[in-house]
Amino acid sequence: MTFTPYTAPAPGTPTPTAGRREWTALAVLLLPCLLVSMDVSVLYFAVPFLTAQLEPSSVQQLWILDIYGFVLAGLLITMGALGDRIGRRRLLLGGAVLFGLASCLAAYAQTPGMLIAARALLGVGGATLMPSTLALIRNLFTDGRQRGKAIAIWSAATAGGIAVGPVLSGALLEHFWWGSVFLINAPAMALLLICGPLLLPEFRNPAVGRFDLPGAALSLAAMLPAVYGIKEIARNGVAALPVAALVVGALAAAAFVGRQRTARHPMLDLELFRHRGFSGSVLMNLLAMFAVVGCAVFFTQYLQTVRGMSPLRAALWNVVPTLAIGGMAPLSAALARRLDRAVVIAAGFALAAVGFLSLSWLEPSSPLWFPLVGSAIYASGLVAVMSLGNELAVGAAPPERAGSASAVLESGTELGGALGMAALGTIGSAVYRHDIQGALPAELPARVADAAHETLAGAVAAAARLPGRAGHALLAAARDAFVHGLHAATLCAAGVMAAAAVLAVVLLRGLRTTAEAGEETGGDHQAAAPAAVN
């Protein structure tokens, strides 16, 4: 079978349904989605190996882990707007080149500084790939029903990549050196560069004018300090530097909004936020990621430290809930064709609340199926929420603004995850520290006792220094305290999900995408209506 380069249909022509070419193109677009989301978590197992070879300082190690997410979050809005101007396929393919080259640079890094720089370049490449893929889906699938299915598949692939990353990392490290976790990106990017020009349409907005460089700088100045401040507070508690970063980020965000209101050619159409279909969907995605990311760290530690699993075994069990929810995104898309989207999204949040609530009964001795089922329940609900939220937000935006709209959606997702890690992590840690305080024996050295008071890993190390029964008693108390902290975090997440279910009905009730409105009136699906239609 041979392909000729794809050309988009002329404006005003009847909207075609997607065929084999478009669905094959979607499969190509899933490659960057999987790899960008995998790169968030693929380093989890590789850190001890690269630390032994490169010998980074503690600060350098943190930057190796975090710089990718910082740059990715900071550049999403900029790259989404750039794709609307220069062409989404062009940006996607350019990002694929950068992502592939940066992966090779990271794989063969000889110093910590070289690896940090490569991870930063990976973040730049990732920021070009994510909004471009979702925006191109908006152009490939002009039929509202088909677009809903396509975005559901895209959402499932993005969520699955985060879960698969640690498993793939662990499997590679069993047989190869630590750089292999980066090198696997190169052949996938090469495949994208070969198939992309043949299968993907080019789309740009000819009316957006010059690129807003001051706006791009302000968006970066808003997101970078905000994400840094939230992550630092989650990791080390409230301190002057992260609080100052949050203040700087808030001031830059205010300046960015002011710039977009007055600029002749703004990078972001603020009118989108006046419509419930877009702003409500961004909020729903933010709340969903708040709960997912905030509780994921507890589940991983529960498997590894409370149940004593190896990292690879814990990662494999962590994938089980993801496999169980594979059909949830398409199911939610089908239900949304029969019911009001707001009802389906609210039901997804309610299901997530039940899953989180069930985990508040988890104990150190609970059978393994119990946390797996609870995780599958909440993940099923939130996959439904995010797939429908993505579809509604992209469908609410006019085609020429799909890149910017997708970037805002992704930025909200990144911010929600950072907020969840900070808020739920802080709550769980506070409960742990309160419960473990009375269990620390007086004979422990002050430094060891402080470490045990702060984290479960510190308590495990402290218990190993104590003889027989005393060590076992401390370890049991620490595991109980950690699980109590998990209870507090999951109860908080369940409350947020219950509130989000109510918000979904209030904010999203009766909304349709512009394509669906066109189907009812017989109009052009690609009309540049800037809003969801009530």
Protein backbone atom coordinates (compact mmCIF):
# COMPACT_ATOMS: atom_id res chain seq x y z
CA MET A 1 0.00 0.00 0.00
CA THR A 2 1.31 3.44 -0.94
CA PHE A 3 0.36 6.86 0.38
CA THR A 4 0.40 10.26 -1.24
CA PRO A 5 0.94 13.34 0.92
CA TYR A 6 -2.20 14.40 2.77
CA THR A 7 -3.93 17.67 1.93
CA ALA A 8 -6.68 19.15 4.07
CA PRO A 9 -10.14 19.64 2.49
CA ALA A 10 -10.99 23.10 1.23
CA PRO A 11 -13.09 25.28 3.56
CA GLY A 12 -16.82 25.10 2.88
CA THR A 13 -16.81 21.56 1.46
CA PRO A 14 -18.92 18.85 3.13
CA THR A 15 -17.16 17.39 6.14
CA PRO A 16 -15.79 13.90 5.33
CA THR A 17 -15.66 11.08 7.79
CA ALA A 18 -12.27 9.68 8.69
CA GLY A 19 -11.08 6.60 6.85
CA ARG A 20 -8.15 4.21 7.04
CA ARG A 21 -5.64 6.98 6.37
CA GLU A 22 -6.81 9.13 9.29
CA TRP A 23 -6.90 6.23 11.74
CA THR A 24 -3.42 5.17 10.64
CA ALA A 25 -2.31 8.77 11.17
CA LEU A 26 -3.73 8.60 14.70
CA ALA A 27 -1.56 5.54 15.38
CA VAL A 28 1.46 7.58 14.26
CA LEU A 29 0.44 10.44 16.59
CA LEU A 30 0.28 8.05 19.54
CA LEU A 31 4.06 7.48 19.31
CA PRO A 32 5.06 10.93 20.61
CA CYS A 33 2.26 10.82 23.20
CA LEU A 34 3.56 7.59 24.67
CA LEU A 35 7.20 8.67 24.64
CA VAL A 36 6.65 12.15 26.11
CA SER A 37 4.54 10.77 28.97
CA MET A 38 6.97 7.87 29.50
CA ASP A 39 9.89 10.26 29.84
CA VAL A 40 8.25 11.73 32.95
CA SER A 41 8.71 8.42 34.79
CA VAL A 42 11.33 6.44 32.85
CA LEU A 43 14.22 7.62 35.07
CA TYR A 44 12.78 6.21 38.30
CA PHE A 45 14.81 2.98 38.12
CA ALA A 46 17.80 4.41 36.24
CA VAL A 47 18.82 6.90 38.94
CA PRO A 48 21.01 4.48 40.98
CA PHE A 49 22.83 3.36 37.80
CA LEU A 50 23.53 6.81 36.38
CA THR A 51 24.46 8.06 39.86
CA ALA A 52 27.12 5.34 40.13
CA GLN A 53 28.62 6.30 36.76
CA LEU A 54 28.20 10.10 36.60
CA GLU A 55 28.40 10.79 40.36
CA PRO A 56 26.06 13.82 40.43
CA SER A 57 25.66 15.88 43.57
CA SER A 58 22.31 15.76 45.37
CA VAL A 59 21.32 19.06 43.74
CA GLN A 60 22.36 17.83 40.29
CA GLN A 61 20.38 14.63 40.80
CA LEU A 62 17.24 16.63 41.58
CA TRP A 63 17.73 18.71 38.44
CA ILE A 64 18.24 15.57 36.35
CA LEU A 65 14.85 14.33 37.56
CA ASP A 66 12.93 17.64 37.46
CA ILE A 67 14.29 19.74 34.59
CA TYR A 68 12.33 17.81 31.96
CA GLY A 69 8.98 18.51 33.61
CA PHE A 70 9.88 22.15 34.34
CA VAL A 71 10.77 22.95 30.73
CA LEU A 72 7.86 20.94 29.34
CA ALA A 73 5.32 22.79 31.49
CA GLY A 74 6.91 26.18 30.88
CA LEU A 75 6.90 25.96 27.07
CA LEU A 76 3.55 24.29 26.33
CA ILE A 77 1.60 27.51 25.73
CA THR A 78 4.42 29.01 23.68
CA MET A 79 4.72 25.95 21.45
CA GLY A 80 0.98 25.61 21.01
CA ALA A 81 0.79 29.20 19.74
CA LEU A 82 3.86 28.68 17.56
CA GLY A 83 2.26 25.64 15.93
CA ASP A 84 -0.83 27.67 15.04
CA ARG A 85 1.47 30.11 13.22
CA ILE A 86 4.11 28.02 11.46
CA GLY A 87 2.10 24.83 11.00
CA ARG A 88 1.34 22.02 13.45
CA ARG A 89 2.87 19.26 11.35
CA ARG A 90 6.03 21.31 10.83
CA LEU A 91 6.32 21.91 14.57
CA LEU A 92 5.63 18.25 15.33
CA LEU A 93 8.29 17.01 12.93
CA GLY A 94 10.80 19.61 14.12
CA GLY A 95 10.08 18.55 17.69
CA ALA A 96 10.61 14.91 16.71
CA VAL A 97 14.08 15.75 15.38
CA LEU A 98 14.97 17.60 18.58
CA PHE A 99 13.50 14.89 20.82
CA GLY A 100 15.42 12.16 19.01
CA LEU A 101 18.74 14.04 19.07
CA ALA A 102 18.30 15.01 22.74
CA SER A 103 17.55 11.36 23.58
CA CYS A 104 20.84 10.29 21.99
CA LEU A 105 22.67 13.08 23.85
CA ALA A 106 21.14 11.95 27.15
CA ALA A 107 21.92 8.28 26.48
CA TYR A 108 25.63 9.02 26.00
CA ALA A 109 26.01 11.84 28.54
CA GLN A 110 29.42 11.85 30.18
CA THR A 111 28.79 14.39 32.97
CA PRO A 112 25.83 15.40 35.16
CA GLY A 113 25.73 18.82 33.48
CA MET A 114 25.53 17.20 30.04
CA LEU A 115 22.62 15.01 31.18
CA ILE A 116 20.79 17.98 32.70
CA ALA A 117 21.18 19.90 29.43
CA ALA A 118 19.93 16.90 27.43
CA ARG A 119 16.91 16.52 29.72
CA ALA A 120 16.14 20.23 29.24
CA LEU A 121 16.27 19.76 25.45
CA LEU A 122 13.95 16.76 25.82
CA GLY A 123 11.53 19.08 27.63
CA VAL A 124 11.66 21.54 24.72
CA GLY A 125 10.98 18.72 22.27
CA GLY A 126 8.17 17.35 24.41
CA ALA A 127 6.52 20.76 24.58
CA THR A 128 6.34 20.82 20.77
CA LEU A 129 4.96 17.29 20.50
CA MET A 130 2.07 17.18 22.97
CA PRO A 131 -0.08 20.16 21.84
CA SER A 132 0.69 19.41 18.18
CA THR A 133 -0.67 15.86 18.42
CA LEU A 134 -3.96 16.90 20.01
CA ALA A 135 -4.38 19.85 17.64
CA LEU A 136 -3.75 17.62 14.60
CA ILE A 137 -6.44 15.23 15.82
CA ARG A 138 -8.79 18.24 15.66
CA ASN A 139 -7.91 18.58 11.96
CA LEU A 140 -7.86 14.88 11.07
CA PHE A 141 -11.24 14.05 12.62
CA THR A 142 -13.79 16.69 11.65
CA ASP A 143 -16.71 14.41 12.48
CA GLY A 144 -17.64 14.96 16.12
CA ARG A 145 -18.27 11.30 16.96
CA GLN A 146 -15.06 10.08 15.37
CA ARG A 147 -13.08 12.85 17.03
CA GLY A 148 -14.46 11.79 20.40
CA LYS A 149 -13.21 8.23 19.84
CA ALA A 150 -9.82 9.47 18.62
CA ILE A 151 -9.30 11.75 21.61
CA ALA A 152 -10.38 8.94 23.95
CA ILE A 153 -7.65 6.73 22.46
CA TRP A 154 -5.15 9.60 22.71
CA SER A 155 -6.03 10.15 26.39
CA ALA A 156 -5.65 6.46 27.21
CA ALA A 157 -2.26 6.33 25.45
CA THR A 158 -1.03 9.39 27.35
CA ALA A 159 -2.10 7.96 30.71
CA GLY A 160 -0.70 4.54 29.84
CA GLY A 161 2.72 5.95 28.97
CA ILE A 162 3.25 7.18 32.54
CA ALA A 163 2.49 3.71 33.92
CA VAL A 164 4.55 1.87 31.29
CA GLY A 165 7.63 4.08 31.73
CA PRO A 166 8.93 2.49 34.96
CA VAL A 167 8.26 -1.04 33.69
CA LEU A 168 10.11 -0.46 30.42
CA SER A 169 12.92 1.23 32.34
CA GLY A 170 13.26 -1.71 34.71
CA ALA A 171 13.22 -4.24 31.87
CA LEU A 172 15.89 -2.38 29.90
CA LEU A 173 18.12 -1.97 32.94
CA GLU A 174 18.04 -5.73 33.48
CA HIS A 175 20.01 -6.16 30.22
CA PHE A 176 21.50 -2.82 29.11
CA TRP A 177 23.20 0.30 30.47
CA TRP A 178 21.24 3.21 31.92
CA GLY A 179 21.36 5.22 28.66
CA SER A 180 19.11 2.65 26.97
CA VAL A 181 16.07 4.20 28.68
CA PHE A 182 16.65 7.28 26.49
CA LEU A 183 17.90 5.59 23.34
CA ILE A 184 14.59 3.81 22.73
CA ASN A 185 13.11 7.20 21.76
CA ALA A 186 15.27 7.52 18.64
CA PRO A 187 13.70 4.79 16.41
CA ALA A 188 10.19 5.93 17.32
CA MET A 189 11.03 9.51 16.34
CA ALA A 190 12.55 8.24 13.08
CA LEU A 191 9.30 6.41 12.31
CA LEU A 192 7.34 9.59 13.02
CA LEU A 193 9.56 11.56 10.64
CA ILE A 194 8.98 8.99 7.88
CA CYS A 195 5.22 8.56 8.30
CA GLY A 196 4.29 12.08 9.39
CA PRO A 197 4.68 13.89 6.02
CA LEU A 198 2.64 11.17 4.27
CA LEU A 199 -0.22 10.84 6.72
CA LEU A 200 -0.59 14.08 8.65
CA PRO A 201 -2.25 17.27 7.36
CA GLU A 202 -0.53 20.61 7.63
CA PHE A 203 -2.58 23.30 9.32
CA ARG A 204 -1.75 26.85 10.27
CA ASN A 205 -3.77 29.93 11.03
CA PRO A 206 -2.88 32.60 8.44
CA ALA A 207 -4.64 35.35 10.39
CA VAL A 208 -2.74 35.24 13.70
CA GLY A 209 -0.02 37.74 12.75
CA ARG A 210 3.46 37.99 14.22
CA PHE A 211 4.57 35.77 17.05
CA ASP A 212 4.29 37.43 20.46
CA LEU A 213 7.82 37.09 21.90
CA PRO A 214 7.12 39.14 25.08
CA GLY A 215 4.05 36.98 25.70
CA ALA A 216 6.12 33.82 25.26
CA ALA A 217 8.68 35.08 27.79
CA LEU A 218 5.94 35.94 30.28
CA SER A 219 4.26 32.53 29.93
CA LEU A 220 7.61 30.85 30.63
CA ALA A 221 8.21 33.19 33.59
CA ALA A 222 4.79 32.26 34.97
CA MET A 223 4.89 28.46 34.62
CA LEU A 224 8.51 27.69 35.53
CA PRO A 225 8.55 29.37 38.99
CA ALA A 226 5.04 28.10 39.76
CA VAL A 227 5.86 24.44 39.05
CA TYR A 228 9.24 24.75 40.80
CA GLY A 229 7.68 26.33 43.90
CA ILE A 230 4.92 23.73 44.15
CA LYS A 231 7.34 20.80 43.76
CA GLU A 232 9.79 22.23 46.30
CA ILE A 233 7.04 22.74 48.88
CA ALA A 234 5.88 19.18 48.27
CA ARG A 235 9.44 17.85 48.69
CA ASN A 236 10.84 20.01 51.54
CA GLY A 237 7.92 21.93 53.03
CA VAL A 238 7.23 25.65 53.09
CA ALA A 239 10.38 27.77 52.77
CA ALA A 240 11.29 31.26 51.61
CA LEU A 241 12.63 30.32 48.16
CA PRO A 242 9.67 28.24 46.87
CA VAL A 243 7.19 30.79 48.26
CA ALA A 244 9.09 33.56 46.48
CA ALA A 245 9.00 31.46 43.27
CA LEU A 246 5.22 31.15 43.58
CA VAL A 247 4.88 34.91 44.03
CA VAL A 248 7.08 35.56 40.97
CA GLY A 249 5.03 33.07 38.97
CA ALA A 250 1.75 34.71 40.00
CA LEU A 251 3.02 38.18 39.07
CA ALA A 252 4.28 36.91 35.71
CA ALA A 253 0.92 35.21 35.08
CA ALA A 254 -0.90 38.47 35.76
CA ALA A 255 1.46 40.29 33.40
CA PHE A 256 0.90 37.59 30.76
CA VAL A 257 -2.88 38.00 30.94
CA GLY A 258 -2.49 41.76 30.67
CA ARG A 259 -0.24 41.34 27.66
CA GLN A 260 -2.72 39.03 25.91
CA ARG A 261 -5.51 41.55 26.43
CA THR A 262 -3.61 44.41 24.82
CA ALA A 263 -1.30 42.76 22.27
CA ARG A 264 -2.13 43.26 18.61
CA HIS A 265 -1.43 39.60 17.86
CA PRO A 266 -1.82 37.70 21.18
CA MET A 267 -0.55 34.13 21.45
CA LEU A 268 -3.62 33.07 23.42
CA ASP A 269 -7.23 33.93 22.67
CA LEU A 270 -8.61 34.84 26.11
CA GLU A 271 -12.12 34.74 24.68
CA LEU A 272 -11.89 30.94 24.90
CA PHE A 273 -12.05 31.19 28.70
CA ARG A 274 -15.42 32.95 28.53
CA HIS A 275 -17.04 29.73 27.38
CA ARG A 276 -17.91 26.93 29.76
CA GLY A 277 -16.94 24.22 27.31
CA PHE A 278 -13.30 25.26 27.35
CA SER A 279 -12.66 26.74 30.79
CA GLY A 280 -14.77 24.06 32.50
CA SER A 281 -12.88 21.27 30.75
CA VAL A 282 -9.50 22.74 31.72
CA LEU A 283 -10.66 22.85 35.35
CA MET A 284 -11.96 19.26 35.21
CA ASN A 285 -8.63 18.00 33.86
CA LEU A 286 -6.72 19.94 36.50
CA LEU A 287 -8.80 18.39 39.30
CA ALA A 288 -8.45 14.90 37.84
CA MET A 289 -4.66 15.17 37.66
CA PHE A 290 -4.59 16.68 41.15
CA ALA A 291 -5.97 13.42 42.52
CA VAL A 292 -4.10 11.00 40.23
CA VAL A 293 -0.60 12.39 40.72
CA GLY A 294 -1.15 13.28 44.37
CA CYS A 295 -2.06 9.70 45.29
CA ALA A 296 0.21 7.83 42.85
CA VAL A 297 3.31 8.37 44.98
CA PHE A 298 1.55 6.80 48.00
CA PHE A 299 0.53 3.73 46.02
CA THR A 300 4.07 3.22 44.68
CA GLN A 301 5.60 3.52 48.15
CA TYR A 302 2.95 1.22 49.58
CA LEU A 303 3.92 -1.55 47.17
CA GLN A 304 7.68 -1.08 47.56
CA THR A 305 8.20 -0.14 51.20
CA VAL A 306 5.13 -1.41 53.04
CA ARG A 307 4.74 -4.65 51.09
CA GLY A 308 8.49 -5.02 50.40
CA MET A 309 8.32 -5.46 46.61
CA SER A 310 11.28 -4.86 44.35
CA PRO A 311 10.99 -1.75 42.15
CA LEU A 312 10.38 -3.74 38.97
CA ARG A 313 7.79 -6.00 40.58
CA ALA A 314 6.02 -2.96 42.05
CA ALA A 315 6.03 -1.27 38.63
CA LEU A 316 4.54 -4.38 37.00
CA TRP A 317 1.72 -4.53 39.55
CA ASN A 318 1.25 -0.79 39.08
CA VAL A 319 0.38 -1.43 35.42
CA VAL A 320 -2.47 -3.82 36.31
CA PRO A 321 -5.02 -1.04 37.01
CA THR A 322 -4.02 0.63 33.74
CA LEU A 323 -4.68 -2.58 31.79
CA ALA A 324 -8.02 -2.98 33.51
CA ILE A 325 -9.25 0.44 32.34
CA GLY A 326 -8.17 0.17 28.71
CA GLY A 327 -11.75 0.24 27.45
CA MET A 328 -13.00 3.01 29.70
CA ALA A 329 -12.15 5.92 27.40
CA PRO A 330 -14.03 4.50 24.37
CA LEU A 331 -16.93 3.52 26.65
CA SER A 332 -17.20 7.05 28.02
CA ALA A 333 -17.20 8.44 24.48
CA ALA A 334 -20.06 6.09 23.56
CA LEU A 335 -22.04 7.06 26.67
CA ALA A 336 -21.53 10.77 25.89
CA ARG A 337 -23.35 10.25 22.59
CA ARG A 338 -26.44 9.07 24.47
CA LEU A 339 -26.26 11.15 27.66
CA ASP A 340 -25.29 14.68 28.54
CA ARG A 341 -21.48 14.89 28.78
CA ALA A 342 -21.80 16.62 32.12
CA VAL A 343 -23.60 13.58 33.52
CA VAL A 344 -20.95 11.17 32.24
CA ILE A 345 -18.10 13.36 33.55
CA ALA A 346 -19.85 13.72 36.92
CA ALA A 347 -20.30 9.93 37.04
CA GLY A 348 -16.58 9.53 36.32
CA PHE A 349 -15.70 11.80 39.23
CA ALA A 350 -18.17 9.93 41.47
CA LEU A 351 -16.59 6.60 40.49
CA ALA A 352 -13.15 8.05 41.27
CA ALA A 353 -14.42 9.21 44.67
CA VAL A 354 -15.58 5.65 45.42
CA GLY A 355 -12.17 4.28 44.43
CA PHE A 356 -10.29 6.74 46.62
CA LEU A 357 -12.71 6.17 49.49
CA SER A 358 -12.16 2.40 49.29
CA LEU A 359 -8.40 2.94 49.67
CA SER A 360 -9.00 4.68 52.99
CA TRP A 361 -9.64 1.18 54.41
CA LEU A 362 -6.31 -0.15 53.15
CA GLU A 363 -4.05 -1.73 55.77
CA PRO A 364 -0.45 -3.02 55.64
CA SER A 365 -1.76 -6.59 55.76
CA SER A 366 -4.56 -6.13 53.19
CA PRO A 367 -4.58 -8.65 50.32
CA LEU A 368 -2.92 -7.34 47.18
CA TRP A 369 -6.13 -7.39 45.16
CA PHE A 370 -7.65 -4.74 47.44
CA PRO A 371 -5.41 -1.76 46.47
CA LEU A 372 -5.33 -2.95 42.85
CA VAL A 373 -9.12 -2.93 42.60
CA GLY A 374 -9.39 0.42 44.38
CA SER A 375 -6.81 1.94 42.03
CA ALA A 376 -8.57 0.49 38.97
CA ILE A 377 -11.87 2.01 40.13
CA TYR A 378 -10.55 5.55 40.58
CA ALA A 379 -8.42 5.34 37.45
CA SER A 380 -11.44 4.20 35.40
CA GLY A 381 -13.45 7.19 36.52
CA LEU A 382 -10.70 9.69 35.84
CA VAL A 383 -9.86 8.29 32.41
CA ALA A 384 -13.50 8.91 31.48
CA VAL A 385 -13.27 12.45 32.86
CA MET A 386 -10.08 13.35 31.06
CA SER A 387 -10.96 11.82 27.70
CA LEU A 388 -14.31 13.65 27.60
CA GLY A 389 -12.74 16.84 28.96
CA ASN A 390 -10.07 16.77 26.25
CA GLU A 391 -12.66 16.16 23.55
CA LEU A 392 -14.96 18.95 24.74
CA ALA A 393 -12.14 21.51 25.11
CA VAL A 394 -10.66 20.76 21.68
CA GLY A 395 -14.11 20.71 20.09
CA ALA A 396 -15.01 24.01 21.74
CA ALA A 397 -12.02 25.79 20.19
CA PRO A 398 -12.11 26.88 16.55
CA PRO A 399 -9.78 24.84 14.31
CA GLU A 400 -7.33 27.70 13.82
CA ARG A 401 -6.85 27.99 17.61
CA ALA A 402 -6.63 24.26 18.33
CA GLY A 403 -2.88 24.40 19.01
CA SER A 404 -3.18 27.11 21.65
CA ALA A 405 -6.25 25.44 23.17
CA SER A 406 -4.45 22.08 23.41
CA ALA A 407 -1.44 23.75 25.03
CA VAL A 408 -3.60 25.41 27.69
CA LEU A 409 -5.26 22.06 28.38
CA GLU A 410 -1.87 20.36 28.78
CA SER A 411 -0.60 23.19 30.98
CA GLY A 412 -3.59 22.78 33.28
CA THR A 413 -2.85 19.05 33.46
CA GLU A 414 0.79 19.68 34.44
CA LEU A 415 -0.21 22.26 37.03
CA GLY A 416 -2.89 19.99 38.50
CA GLY A 417 -0.36 17.17 38.94
CA ALA A 418 2.11 19.48 40.68
CA LEU A 419 -0.62 20.83 42.98
CA GLY A 420 -1.80 17.32 43.85
CA MET A 421 1.71 16.19 44.72
CA ALA A 422 2.17 19.23 46.95
CA ALA A 423 -1.20 19.24 48.71
CA LEU A 424 -1.86 15.52 49.17
CA GLY A 425 1.82 14.80 49.79
CA THR A 426 1.89 17.43 52.54
CA ILE A 427 -1.26 16.01 54.17
CA GLY A 428 0.06 12.45 54.11
CA SER A 429 3.46 13.50 55.45
CA ALA A 430 1.90 15.49 58.29
CA VAL A 431 -0.13 12.48 59.43
CA TYR A 432 2.92 10.22 59.17
CA ARG A 433 5.08 12.56 61.27
CA HIS A 434 2.38 12.88 63.92
CA ASP A 435 1.86 9.12 64.23
CA ILE A 436 5.53 8.08 64.17
CA GLN A 437 6.63 10.58 66.82
CA GLY A 438 5.85 8.36 69.82
CA ALA A 439 7.31 5.22 68.24
CA LEU A 440 10.90 6.48 67.86
CA PRO A 441 13.13 4.91 70.52
CA ALA A 442 15.31 7.22 72.59
CA GLU A 443 18.50 5.32 71.75
CA LEU A 444 18.43 6.34 68.09
CA PRO A 445 21.02 8.99 67.11
CA ALA A 446 19.44 12.38 66.46
CA ARG A 447 20.24 12.38 62.74
CA VAL A 448 18.79 8.90 62.22
CA ALA A 449 15.71 9.75 64.31
CA ASP A 450 15.12 12.91 62.25
CA ALA A 451 15.25 10.90 59.01
CA ALA A 452 12.84 8.32 60.43
CA HIS A 453 10.51 11.11 61.52
CA GLU A 454 10.40 12.59 58.01
CA THR A 455 9.90 9.59 55.71
CA LEU A 456 9.04 5.92 55.71
CA ALA A 457 12.33 5.16 53.92
CA GLY A 458 14.17 6.87 56.79
CA ALA A 459 12.28 4.74 59.29
CA VAL A 460 13.17 1.55 57.40
CA ALA A 461 16.85 2.54 57.54
CA ALA A 462 16.56 3.37 61.26
CA ALA A 463 14.85 0.04 62.02
CA ALA A 464 17.77 -1.79 60.43
CA ARG A 465 20.08 -0.23 63.06
CA LEU A 466 18.02 -1.52 65.98
CA PRO A 467 18.31 -5.01 67.47
CA GLY A 468 15.62 -7.64 66.94
CA ARG A 469 12.25 -6.77 68.49
CA ALA A 470 12.93 -3.02 68.71
CA GLY A 471 13.64 -2.82 64.97
CA HIS A 472 10.52 -4.80 64.11
CA ALA A 473 8.41 -2.59 66.37
CA LEU A 474 9.67 0.61 64.75
CA LEU A 475 9.15 -0.81 61.26
CA ALA A 476 5.58 -1.86 62.06
CA ALA A 477 4.80 1.55 63.60
CA ALA A 478 6.28 3.35 60.58
CA ARG A 479 4.25 1.28 58.13
CA ASP A 480 1.08 1.92 60.13
CA ALA A 481 1.84 5.66 60.22
CA PHE A 482 2.44 5.72 56.46
CA VAL A 483 -0.82 3.93 55.76
CA HIS A 484 -2.66 6.39 58.02
CA GLY A 485 -1.15 9.19 55.95
CA LEU A 486 -2.34 7.40 52.81
CA HIS A 487 -5.83 7.27 54.34
CA ALA A 488 -5.80 11.03 54.88
CA ALA A 489 -4.62 11.71 51.33
CA THR A 490 -7.18 9.42 49.69
CA LEU A 491 -10.01 10.81 51.83
CA CYS A 492 -9.01 14.31 50.74
CA ALA A 493 -8.88 13.15 47.11
CA ALA A 494 -12.33 11.56 47.47
CA GLY A 495 -13.72 14.85 48.79
CA VAL A 496 -12.21 16.79 45.89
CA MET A 497 -13.67 14.27 43.43
CA ALA A 498 -17.14 14.55 45.00
CA ALA A 499 -16.97 18.35 44.73
CA ALA A 500 -15.73 18.04 41.14
CA ALA A 501 -18.75 15.88 40.26
CA VAL A 502 -21.06 18.68 41.37
CA LEU A 503 -18.98 21.27 39.51
CA ALA A 504 -19.12 19.19 36.33
CA VAL A 505 -22.92 19.29 36.31
CA VAL A 506 -23.00 23.02 37.08
CA LEU A 507 -20.34 24.09 34.57
CA LEU A 508 -20.76 21.66 31.68
CA ARG A 509 -24.47 20.85 31.54
CA GLY A 510 -25.95 21.01 28.06
CA LEU A 511 -22.71 21.83 26.25
CA ARG A 512 -22.01 20.62 22.72
CA THR A 513 -19.00 21.09 20.51
CA THR A 514 -19.12 23.29 17.45
CA ALA A 515 -19.02 20.18 15.26
CA GLU A 516 -22.10 18.73 16.93
CA ALA A 517 -23.92 22.02 16.52
CA GLY A 518 -23.01 21.90 12.84
CA GLU A 519 -24.37 18.36 12.53
CA GLU A 520 -27.76 19.47 13.84
CA THR A 521 -28.00 22.53 11.61
CA GLY A 522 -26.37 21.00 8.52
CA GLY A 523 -23.63 23.62 8.67
CA ASP A 524 -19.91 23.37 8.13
CA HIS A 525 -18.14 21.48 10.91
CA GLN A 526 -15.03 23.53 10.45
CA ALA A 527 -16.68 26.87 10.99
CA ALA A 528 -14.49 28.90 13.25
CA ALA A 529 -17.05 29.28 16.00
CA PRO A 530 -15.02 30.13 19.08
CA ALA A 531 -17.15 28.37 21.65
CA ALA A 532 -19.09 25.34 22.65
CA VAL A 533 -22.76 25.82 21.89
CA ASN A 534 -25.40 25.65 24.56
